[in-house]
Structure formats: structure tokens, C-alpha cells
Amino acid sequence: MKHELEGHLRSGRPTHAEEAYDPEPPADDDIRVDTGGPVPPPGEEREEAQAKAEADLLRRELARHLERTTLPADRHTVLDGLEAHQAPDTVLEAVRQLPDSGDYANVTEIVNALGHGPTI
């Protein structure tokens, strides 16, 4: 056993014999597979799936860039919070479309006010 571990002990890193056990990171040009499952057929079902995916992405981005203490807030406060946390331009543009009147208690209310509707 000492002979088998000699290379590892001297180098302080895995030896050639152990490379198979080390997971290889994905390459930049690897094909990325969507974990969302198969693509629905063209038509209303696909459009609904795309709308739901867009709403979920917007909801995640808003939650990622807004602090809990920011909400409840109006449109201007939400925009200030997003700009303070360097939110992507697409998220800022979406929030700029919110009506000036109204307070939003959570991220879901913001997404619903933008016309994405509730998710099930």
C-alpha cells in the first residue's frame, strides 16, 4: 500500500492512476442540456411554457437582486434597490414598465403586475 500511495504523498495531488475519480469541469463549448424536459409541440402549449419560463426567470432575478427589507415598496423603491445591487438591464427595463401607483409586497406581486400572471 505504501508503494501505491507514494506518488500521491510526494506530490500532494492526485496521481495519474487516480484521475478517473476526479470530476472534470464542463468545457466552455460543451452542449448545455435544458433540464426542463422535452420541448412542447408548437402552439399554445409551447407559448405557455415559454411565458412561464420567462416569468420564473424574472422572479428569480428579482429575488436575487432585492433585499427582503426593500419590500413592500413602490416602483421607484424597487428600481432603486435593483440599481443598488447591479441588476441586469433586462430586469430594470421590466420593472420600469410597472405602474407608478401601487405597493408590492413581494416579488410575485411585481411579476404579476408586469402581466406574467400567477404560476401554478
N, C-alpha and C. Protein backbone atom coordinates (compact mmCIF):
# COMPACT_ATOMS: atom_id res chain seq x y z
N MET A 1 0.82 -1.18 0.00
CA MET A 1 0.00 0.00 0.00
C MET A 1 0.88 1.26 0.00
N LYS A 2 2.00 1.20 0.70
CA LYS A 2 2.90 2.34 0.73
C LYS A 2 3.38 2.67 -0.67
N HIS A 3 3.67 1.66 -1.46
CA HIS A 3 4.12 1.87 -2.83
C HIS A 3 3.03 2.52 -3.68
N GLU A 4 1.78 2.11 -3.50
CA GLU A 4 0.68 2.67 -4.27
C GLU A 4 0.42 4.14 -3.93
N LEU A 5 0.63 4.54 -2.71
CA LEU A 5 0.36 5.91 -2.28
C LEU A 5 1.58 6.82 -2.37
N GLU A 6 2.74 6.29 -2.74
CA GLU A 6 3.96 7.07 -2.75
C GLU A 6 3.87 8.31 -3.64
N GLY A 7 3.35 8.17 -4.85
CA GLY A 7 3.23 9.31 -5.76
C GLY A 7 2.29 10.37 -5.21
N HIS A 8 1.20 9.94 -4.63
CA HIS A 8 0.22 10.88 -4.06
C HIS A 8 0.81 11.63 -2.87
N LEU A 9 1.52 10.92 -2.02
CA LEU A 9 2.09 11.55 -0.83
C LEU A 9 3.19 12.54 -1.19
N ARG A 10 3.97 12.24 -2.20
CA ARG A 10 5.06 13.14 -2.59
C ARG A 10 4.54 14.39 -3.29
N SER A 11 3.56 14.22 -4.14
CA SER A 11 3.10 15.36 -4.94
C SER A 11 2.04 16.20 -4.23
N GLY A 12 1.28 15.59 -3.36
CA GLY A 12 0.22 16.32 -2.67
C GLY A 12 -1.01 16.53 -3.53
N ARG A 13 -1.06 15.86 -4.67
CA ARG A 13 -2.23 15.94 -5.56
C ARG A 13 -2.47 14.56 -6.16
N PRO A 14 -3.62 14.34 -6.76
CA PRO A 14 -3.90 13.01 -7.34
C PRO A 14 -2.88 12.65 -8.42
N THR A 15 -2.54 11.39 -8.45
CA THR A 15 -1.62 10.89 -9.47
C THR A 15 -2.40 10.43 -10.69
N HIS A 16 -1.69 10.06 -11.74
CA HIS A 16 -2.32 9.65 -12.99
C HIS A 16 -3.28 8.48 -12.76
N ALA A 17 -2.95 7.58 -11.88
CA ALA A 17 -3.80 6.42 -11.63
C ALA A 17 -5.13 6.81 -11.01
N GLU A 18 -5.20 7.98 -10.39
CA GLU A 18 -6.42 8.38 -9.71
C GLU A 18 -7.23 9.42 -10.48
N GLU A 19 -6.81 9.79 -11.68
CA GLU A 19 -7.50 10.83 -12.43
C GLU A 19 -8.96 10.51 -12.71
N ALA A 20 -9.28 9.26 -12.86
CA ALA A 20 -10.65 8.87 -13.19
C ALA A 20 -11.61 9.24 -12.07
N TYR A 21 -11.13 9.39 -10.87
CA TYR A 21 -12.00 9.71 -9.76
C TYR A 21 -12.29 11.20 -9.63
N ASP A 22 -11.48 12.03 -10.28
CA ASP A 22 -11.67 13.47 -10.21
C ASP A 22 -12.67 13.90 -11.26
N PRO A 23 -13.76 14.57 -10.85
CA PRO A 23 -14.72 15.03 -11.86
C PRO A 23 -14.10 16.13 -12.72
N GLU A 24 -14.36 16.05 -13.99
CA GLU A 24 -13.82 17.04 -14.92
C GLU A 24 -14.82 18.17 -15.09
N PRO A 25 -14.38 19.41 -14.96
CA PRO A 25 -15.33 20.52 -15.12
C PRO A 25 -15.81 20.60 -16.57
N PRO A 26 -17.02 21.13 -16.79
CA PRO A 26 -17.51 21.23 -18.17
C PRO A 26 -16.71 22.26 -18.96
N ALA A 27 -16.51 21.98 -20.22
CA ALA A 27 -15.80 22.90 -21.10
C ALA A 27 -16.75 24.00 -21.56
N ASP A 28 -16.17 25.10 -22.00
CA ASP A 28 -16.98 26.22 -22.46
C ASP A 28 -17.82 25.88 -23.67
N ASP A 29 -17.34 24.96 -24.51
CA ASP A 29 -18.07 24.64 -25.73
C ASP A 29 -18.92 23.38 -25.60
N ASP A 30 -19.09 22.86 -24.36
CA ASP A 30 -19.96 21.70 -24.17
C ASP A 30 -21.41 22.07 -24.44
N ILE A 31 -22.16 21.12 -24.91
CA ILE A 31 -23.58 21.33 -25.17
C ILE A 31 -24.30 21.37 -23.83
N ARG A 32 -25.10 22.39 -23.63
CA ARG A 32 -25.87 22.53 -22.40
C ARG A 32 -27.27 21.96 -22.64
N VAL A 33 -27.65 21.04 -21.79
CA VAL A 33 -28.94 20.39 -21.92
C VAL A 33 -29.91 21.05 -20.95
N ASP A 34 -31.07 21.45 -21.45
CA ASP A 34 -32.09 22.06 -20.60
C ASP A 34 -32.70 20.97 -19.74
N THR A 35 -32.69 21.18 -18.43
CA THR A 35 -33.24 20.18 -17.52
C THR A 35 -34.75 20.26 -17.40
N GLY A 36 -35.35 21.18 -18.14
CA GLY A 36 -36.78 21.38 -18.06
C GLY A 36 -37.60 20.29 -18.73
N GLY A 37 -36.97 19.37 -19.41
CA GLY A 37 -37.68 18.29 -20.05
C GLY A 37 -37.84 18.53 -21.53
N PRO A 38 -38.65 17.72 -22.18
CA PRO A 38 -38.81 17.84 -23.62
C PRO A 38 -39.53 19.14 -24.01
N VAL A 39 -39.27 19.57 -25.20
CA VAL A 39 -39.88 20.79 -25.71
C VAL A 39 -41.31 20.48 -26.13
N PRO A 40 -42.28 21.26 -25.66
CA PRO A 40 -43.66 21.01 -26.07
C PRO A 40 -43.84 21.29 -27.56
N PRO A 41 -44.84 20.70 -28.17
CA PRO A 41 -45.07 20.93 -29.59
C PRO A 41 -45.45 22.39 -29.86
N PRO A 42 -45.23 22.86 -31.08
CA PRO A 42 -45.58 24.25 -31.40
C PRO A 42 -47.05 24.52 -31.12
N GLY A 43 -47.33 25.74 -30.74
CA GLY A 43 -48.72 26.13 -30.49
C GLY A 43 -48.87 26.73 -29.11
N GLU A 44 -50.08 26.66 -28.61
CA GLU A 44 -50.43 27.30 -27.36
C GLU A 44 -49.65 26.72 -26.18
N GLU A 45 -49.44 25.43 -26.16
CA GLU A 45 -48.74 24.79 -25.05
C GLU A 45 -47.29 25.28 -24.96
N ARG A 46 -46.63 25.43 -26.10
CA ARG A 46 -45.25 25.91 -26.11
C ARG A 46 -45.18 27.36 -25.66
N GLU A 47 -46.14 28.18 -26.12
CA GLU A 47 -46.17 29.59 -25.73
C GLU A 47 -46.39 29.74 -24.23
N GLU A 48 -47.26 28.90 -23.66
CA GLU A 48 -47.48 28.93 -22.22
C GLU A 48 -46.22 28.53 -21.47
N ALA A 49 -45.53 27.51 -21.97
CA ALA A 49 -44.30 27.06 -21.33
C ALA A 49 -43.22 28.15 -21.39
N GLN A 50 -43.12 28.84 -22.52
CA GLN A 50 -42.15 29.91 -22.65
C GLN A 50 -42.50 31.09 -21.74
N ALA A 51 -43.77 31.43 -21.64
CA ALA A 51 -44.20 32.52 -20.77
C ALA A 51 -43.93 32.18 -19.31
N LYS A 52 -44.19 30.94 -18.92
CA LYS A 52 -43.92 30.51 -17.55
C LYS A 52 -42.42 30.55 -17.27
N ALA A 53 -41.60 30.13 -18.23
CA ALA A 53 -40.15 30.15 -18.04
C ALA A 53 -39.64 31.59 -17.90
N GLU A 54 -40.19 32.50 -18.70
CA GLU A 54 -39.79 33.92 -18.60
C GLU A 54 -40.20 34.51 -17.26
N ALA A 55 -41.40 34.18 -16.79
CA ALA A 55 -41.87 34.68 -15.50
C ALA A 55 -41.01 34.12 -14.37
N ASP A 56 -40.65 32.85 -14.45
CA ASP A 56 -39.80 32.25 -13.42
C ASP A 56 -38.41 32.88 -13.41
N LEU A 57 -37.86 33.13 -14.60
CA LEU A 57 -36.55 33.77 -14.69
C LEU A 57 -36.59 35.18 -14.09
N LEU A 58 -37.63 35.93 -14.42
CA LEU A 58 -37.77 37.28 -13.89
C LEU A 58 -37.92 37.24 -12.37
N ARG A 59 -38.71 36.31 -11.87
CA ARG A 59 -38.93 36.16 -10.43
C ARG A 59 -37.60 35.83 -9.73
N ARG A 60 -36.81 34.93 -10.31
CA ARG A 60 -35.52 34.58 -9.71
C ARG A 60 -34.57 35.76 -9.69
N GLU A 61 -34.52 36.50 -10.80
CA GLU A 61 -33.61 37.66 -10.87
C GLU A 61 -34.02 38.74 -9.88
N LEU A 62 -35.32 38.98 -9.76
CA LEU A 62 -35.79 39.98 -8.80
C LEU A 62 -35.44 39.55 -7.37
N ALA A 63 -35.69 38.30 -7.05
CA ALA A 63 -35.40 37.81 -5.71
C ALA A 63 -33.90 37.84 -5.43
N ARG A 64 -33.11 37.62 -6.45
CA ARG A 64 -31.66 37.61 -6.28
C ARG A 64 -31.10 39.00 -6.01
N HIS A 65 -31.71 40.02 -6.60
CA HIS A 65 -31.16 41.36 -6.51
C HIS A 65 -31.89 42.28 -5.54
N LEU A 66 -32.98 41.82 -4.94
CA LEU A 66 -33.70 42.64 -3.97
C LEU A 66 -33.50 42.09 -2.56
N GLU A 67 -33.30 42.98 -1.62
CA GLU A 67 -33.21 42.57 -0.23
C GLU A 67 -34.62 42.42 0.34
N ARG A 68 -34.74 41.61 1.35
CA ARG A 68 -36.05 41.40 1.97
C ARG A 68 -36.60 42.69 2.57
N THR A 69 -35.71 43.53 3.04
CA THR A 69 -36.14 44.77 3.69
C THR A 69 -36.64 45.80 2.68
N THR A 70 -36.39 45.58 1.40
CA THR A 70 -36.84 46.51 0.37
C THR A 70 -38.35 46.47 0.21
N LEU A 71 -38.93 45.29 0.34
CA LEU A 71 -40.37 45.12 0.13
C LEU A 71 -41.11 45.17 1.45
N PRO A 72 -42.32 45.66 1.52
CA PRO A 72 -43.16 46.21 0.45
C PRO A 72 -42.62 47.57 0.00
N ALA A 73 -42.82 47.82 -1.29
CA ALA A 73 -42.28 49.05 -1.87
C ALA A 73 -43.07 49.43 -3.11
N ASP A 74 -42.88 50.69 -3.52
CA ASP A 74 -43.46 51.15 -4.78
C ASP A 74 -42.44 50.95 -5.89
N ARG A 75 -42.80 51.34 -7.10
CA ARG A 75 -41.95 51.12 -8.27
C ARG A 75 -40.59 51.79 -8.11
N HIS A 76 -40.56 53.02 -7.63
CA HIS A 76 -39.30 53.76 -7.51
C HIS A 76 -38.37 53.12 -6.49
N THR A 77 -38.90 52.64 -5.40
CA THR A 77 -38.08 51.99 -4.38
C THR A 77 -37.52 50.68 -4.90
N VAL A 78 -38.34 49.93 -5.63
CA VAL A 78 -37.88 48.67 -6.22
C VAL A 78 -36.75 48.94 -7.21
N LEU A 79 -36.93 49.96 -8.05
CA LEU A 79 -35.88 50.31 -9.02
C LEU A 79 -34.59 50.73 -8.31
N ASP A 80 -34.71 51.52 -7.26
CA ASP A 80 -33.52 51.93 -6.51
C ASP A 80 -32.80 50.72 -5.91
N GLY A 81 -33.56 49.78 -5.36
CA GLY A 81 -32.96 48.57 -4.80
C GLY A 81 -32.27 47.73 -5.84
N LEU A 82 -32.88 47.61 -7.03
CA LEU A 82 -32.27 46.82 -8.10
C LEU A 82 -31.01 47.49 -8.63
N GLU A 83 -31.05 48.81 -8.78
CA GLU A 83 -29.87 49.52 -9.26
C GLU A 83 -28.74 49.45 -8.25
N ALA A 84 -29.06 49.47 -6.96
CA ALA A 84 -28.03 49.38 -5.93
C ALA A 84 -27.33 48.03 -5.93
N HIS A 85 -28.02 47.00 -6.39
CA HIS A 85 -27.44 45.65 -6.42
C HIS A 85 -27.04 45.23 -7.84
N GLN A 86 -26.87 46.19 -8.73
CA GLN A 86 -26.41 45.95 -10.10
C GLN A 86 -27.21 44.85 -10.81
N ALA A 87 -28.52 44.99 -10.81
CA ALA A 87 -29.38 44.05 -11.51
C ALA A 87 -29.19 44.20 -13.02
N PRO A 88 -29.41 43.12 -13.78
CA PRO A 88 -29.27 43.20 -15.23
C PRO A 88 -30.23 44.22 -15.85
N ASP A 89 -29.84 44.75 -16.99
CA ASP A 89 -30.66 45.76 -17.67
C ASP A 89 -32.04 45.23 -18.04
N THR A 90 -32.14 43.95 -18.38
CA THR A 90 -33.44 43.39 -18.75
C THR A 90 -34.41 43.45 -17.58
N VAL A 91 -33.91 43.22 -16.38
CA VAL A 91 -34.75 43.27 -15.18
C VAL A 91 -35.16 44.71 -14.89
N LEU A 92 -34.20 45.63 -15.02
CA LEU A 92 -34.52 47.04 -14.79
C LEU A 92 -35.56 47.54 -15.79
N GLU A 93 -35.42 47.16 -17.04
CA GLU A 93 -36.39 47.58 -18.06
C GLU A 93 -37.77 47.02 -17.76
N ALA A 94 -37.83 45.79 -17.30
CA ALA A 94 -39.13 45.20 -16.97
C ALA A 94 -39.78 45.95 -15.82
N VAL A 95 -39.02 46.27 -14.79
CA VAL A 95 -39.58 46.96 -13.62
C VAL A 95 -39.98 48.39 -13.96
N ARG A 96 -39.31 49.00 -14.92
CA ARG A 96 -39.69 50.36 -15.34
C ARG A 96 -41.08 50.38 -15.97
N GLN A 97 -41.58 49.23 -16.40
CA GLN A 97 -42.90 49.15 -17.00
C GLN A 97 -44.01 49.02 -15.96
N LEU A 98 -43.64 48.91 -14.68
CA LEU A 98 -44.65 48.84 -13.62
C LEU A 98 -45.42 50.14 -13.55
N PRO A 99 -46.69 50.09 -13.15
CA PRO A 99 -47.44 51.33 -12.96
C PRO A 99 -46.86 52.13 -11.79
N ASP A 100 -46.97 53.45 -11.90
CA ASP A 100 -46.43 54.33 -10.85
C ASP A 100 -47.16 54.15 -9.52
N SER A 101 -48.43 53.86 -9.58
CA SER A 101 -49.21 53.69 -8.35
C SER A 101 -49.18 52.23 -7.93
N GLY A 102 -49.18 52.02 -6.65
CA GLY A 102 -49.25 50.66 -6.14
C GLY A 102 -48.01 50.28 -5.36
N ASP A 103 -48.23 49.51 -4.29
CA ASP A 103 -47.16 48.95 -3.49
C ASP A 103 -47.13 47.45 -3.74
N TYR A 104 -45.94 46.89 -3.72
CA TYR A 104 -45.76 45.47 -4.00
C TYR A 104 -45.17 44.82 -2.76
N ALA A 105 -45.89 43.82 -2.24
CA ALA A 105 -45.48 43.17 -1.00
C ALA A 105 -44.37 42.16 -1.21
N ASN A 106 -44.31 41.56 -2.41
CA ASN A 106 -43.29 40.55 -2.67
C ASN A 106 -42.97 40.50 -4.17
N VAL A 107 -42.03 39.66 -4.51
CA VAL A 107 -41.58 39.55 -5.90
C VAL A 107 -42.69 39.01 -6.80
N THR A 108 -43.50 38.10 -6.29
CA THR A 108 -44.59 37.53 -7.09
C THR A 108 -45.59 38.61 -7.50
N GLU A 109 -45.89 39.53 -6.60
CA GLU A 109 -46.80 40.62 -6.95
C GLU A 109 -46.21 41.51 -8.05
N ILE A 110 -44.90 41.71 -8.03
CA ILE A 110 -44.26 42.50 -9.08
C ILE A 110 -44.38 41.79 -10.42
N VAL A 111 -44.10 40.49 -10.44
CA VAL A 111 -44.17 39.72 -11.68
C VAL A 111 -45.60 39.68 -12.20
N ASN A 112 -46.57 39.51 -11.31
CA ASN A 112 -47.98 39.51 -11.72
C ASN A 112 -48.41 40.86 -12.27
N ALA A 113 -47.92 41.95 -11.66
CA ALA A 113 -48.27 43.29 -12.14
C ALA A 113 -47.67 43.57 -13.51
N LEU A 114 -46.60 42.87 -13.85
CA LEU A 114 -45.99 43.04 -15.17
C LEU A 114 -46.72 42.21 -16.24
N GLY A 115 -47.77 41.50 -15.82
CA GLY A 115 -48.59 40.78 -16.80
C GLY A 115 -48.19 39.36 -17.04
N HIS A 116 -47.30 38.82 -16.20
CA HIS A 116 -46.90 37.44 -16.38
C HIS A 116 -47.86 36.47 -15.72
N GLY A 117 -48.72 36.96 -14.86
CA GLY A 117 -49.75 36.13 -14.25
C GLY A 117 -49.18 35.17 -13.23
N PRO A 118 -50.05 34.59 -12.43
CA PRO A 118 -49.61 33.66 -11.40
C PRO A 118 -49.13 32.35 -12.01
N THR A 119 -48.14 31.74 -11.35
CA THR A 119 -47.65 30.43 -11.78
C THR A 119 -48.26 29.38 -10.90
N ILE A 120 -48.47 28.22 -11.45
CA ILE A 120 -49.12 27.13 -10.71
C ILE A 120 -48.10 26.13 -10.27
